[in-house]
Each structure stands twice: as structure tokens, then as C-alpha cells.
C-alpha atoms as a PDB file:
ATOM      1  CA  UNK A   1      -1.026   7.852  -8.613  1.00  0.00           C
ATOM      2  CA  UNK A   2      -1.817   7.353  -4.951  1.00  0.00           C
ATOM      3  CA  UNK A   3       0.847   8.350  -2.418  1.00  0.00           C
ATOM      4  CA  UNK A   4       0.465   7.119   1.152  1.00  0.00           C
ATOM      5  CA  UNK A   5       2.458   7.142   4.378  1.00  0.00           C
ATOM      6  CA  UNK A   6       2.103   3.862   6.265  1.00  0.00           C
ATOM      7  CA  UNK A   7       3.603   4.352   9.738  1.00  0.00           C
ATOM      8  CA  UNK A   8       3.070   0.669  10.612  1.00  0.00           C
ATOM      9  CA  UNK A   9       5.154  -0.551   7.639  1.00  0.00           C
ATOM     10  CA  UNK A  10       8.509  -1.280   9.267  1.00  0.00           C
ATOM     11  CA  UNK A  11      10.042  -4.416   7.719  1.00  0.00           C
ATOM     12  CA  UNK A  12      10.271  -6.659   4.681  1.00  0.00           C
ATOM     13  CA  UNK A  13       7.258  -8.698   5.785  1.00  0.00           C
ATOM     14  CA  UNK A  14       5.218  -5.484   5.905  1.00  0.00           C
ATOM     15  CA  UNK A  15       6.354  -4.620   2.372  1.00  0.00           C
ATOM     16  CA  UNK A  16       5.207  -8.045   1.105  1.00  0.00           C
ATOM     17  CA  UNK A  17       1.840  -7.721   2.851  1.00  0.00           C
ATOM     18  CA  UNK A  18       1.238  -4.224   1.460  1.00  0.00           C
ATOM     19  CA  UNK A  19       2.246  -5.361  -2.032  1.00  0.00           C
ATOM     20  CA  UNK A  20       0.001  -8.440  -1.915  1.00  0.00           C
ATOM     21  CA  UNK A  21      -2.941  -6.427  -0.589  1.00  0.00           C
ATOM     22  CA  UNK A  22      -2.723  -3.919  -3.436  1.00  0.00           C
ATOM     23  CA  UNK A  23      -2.272  -6.673  -6.014  1.00  0.00           C
ATOM     24  CA  UNK A  24      -5.424  -8.439  -4.779  1.00  0.00           C
ATOM     25  CA  UNK A  25      -7.362  -5.287  -5.647  1.00  0.00           C
ATOM     26  CA  UNK A  26      -5.549  -4.664  -8.924  1.00  0.00           C
ATOM     27  CA  UNK A  27      -3.130  -7.289 -10.277  1.00  0.00           C
ATOM     28  CA  UNK A  28      -1.845  -4.717 -12.793  1.00  0.00           C
ATOM     29  CA  UNK A  29      -1.025  -2.096 -10.139  1.00  0.00           C
ATOM     30  CA  UNK A  30       2.482  -0.631 -10.073  1.00  0.00           C
ATOM     31  CA  UNK A  31       3.858  -0.192  -6.574  1.00  0.00           C
ATOM     32  CA  UNK A  32       6.925   1.722  -5.379  1.00  0.00           C
ATOM     33  CA  UNK A  33       7.834   1.366  -1.717  1.00  0.00           C
ATOM     34  CA  UNK A  34      10.333   3.474   0.241  1.00  0.00           C
ATOM     35  CA  UNK A  35      10.563   1.484   3.475  1.00  0.00           C
ATOM     36  CA  UNK A  36      12.842   3.884   5.432  1.00  0.00           C
ATOM     37  CA  UNK A  37      10.429   6.756   4.707  1.00  0.00           C
ATOM     38  CA  UNK A  38       7.375   4.506   5.146  1.00  0.00           C
ATOM     39  CA  UNK A  39       6.016   5.833   1.829  1.00  0.00           C
ATOM     40  CA  UNK A  40       4.104   3.937  -0.852  1.00  0.00           C
ATOM     41  CA  UNK A  41       3.305   5.103  -4.383  1.00  0.00           C
ATOM     42  CA  UNK A  42       0.629   3.106  -6.156  1.00  0.00           C
ATOM     43  CA  UNK A  43      -0.463   3.425  -9.752  1.00  0.00           C
ATOM     44  CA  UNK A  44      -3.839   1.691 -10.045  1.00  0.00           C
ATOM     45  CA  UNK A  45      -7.259   1.948 -11.647  1.00  0.00           C
ATOM     46  CA  UNK A  46      -8.893   1.381  -8.249  1.00  0.00           C
ATOM     47  CA  UNK A  47     -10.292   4.371  -6.339  1.00  0.00           C
ATOM     48  CA  UNK A  48      -7.939   5.692  -3.648  1.00  0.00           C
ATOM     49  CA  UNK A  49     -10.459   5.014  -0.892  1.00  0.00           C
ATOM     50  CA  UNK A  50     -10.672   1.324  -1.851  1.00  0.00           C
ATOM     51  CA  UNK A  51      -6.880   1.039  -1.615  1.00  0.00           C
ATOM     52  CA  UNK A  52      -6.794   2.862   1.738  1.00  0.00           C
ATOM     53  CA  UNK A  53      -9.554   0.652   3.145  1.00  0.00           C
ATOM     54  CA  UNK A  54      -7.907  -2.607   2.012  1.00  0.00           C
ATOM     55  CA  UNK A  55      -4.577  -1.562   3.548  1.00  0.00           C
ATOM     56  CA  UNK A  56      -6.263  -0.489   6.810  1.00  0.00           C
ATOM     57  CA  UNK A  57      -8.027  -3.869   7.024  1.00  0.00           C
ATOM     58  CA  UNK A  58      -4.600  -5.554   6.784  1.00  0.00           C
ATOM     59  CA  UNK A  59      -3.252  -3.400   9.632  1.00  0.00           C
ATOM     60  CA  UNK A  60      -1.638  -0.613   7.609  1.00  0.00           C
ATOM     61  CA  UNK A  61      -3.783   2.516   7.977  1.00  0.00           C
ATOM     62  CA  UNK A  62      -2.576   5.452   5.932  1.00  0.00           C
ATOM     63  CA  UNK A  63      -1.795   8.689   7.728  1.00  0.00           C
END
């Protein structure tokens, strides 16, 4: 389980983009998003750094 804070995730469009980005890496990934807290929990077989890098490339760097 990867837990990230994405300070740039502020709306529904952001949630869709984050979800699609993770699913491109791992279509079987399970994603839980808490938009008000800007927190994402991702259950995936991909290495955490690959997930972080893909999200950063889409404009959502993890803090």
C-alpha cells in the first residue's frame, strides 16, 4: 500500500487524472482518494517510485 499526499489535487478533474495515471501503470490497482485531505492510498504491484514519478509527470508531485 502506497500512501501519498498530493497538494495539487483539488477537484474532481484532478481525481480522474490521478486515477487514470495509476491505472495506466497498473490496471488492477485499487485506489482510495480522500479529496478534502488530498490523500491517496494505492494498492499496486508497481514500485512506489514508479507511481510517484508517473503522478509527478502529470502535475501531481507527492509531498
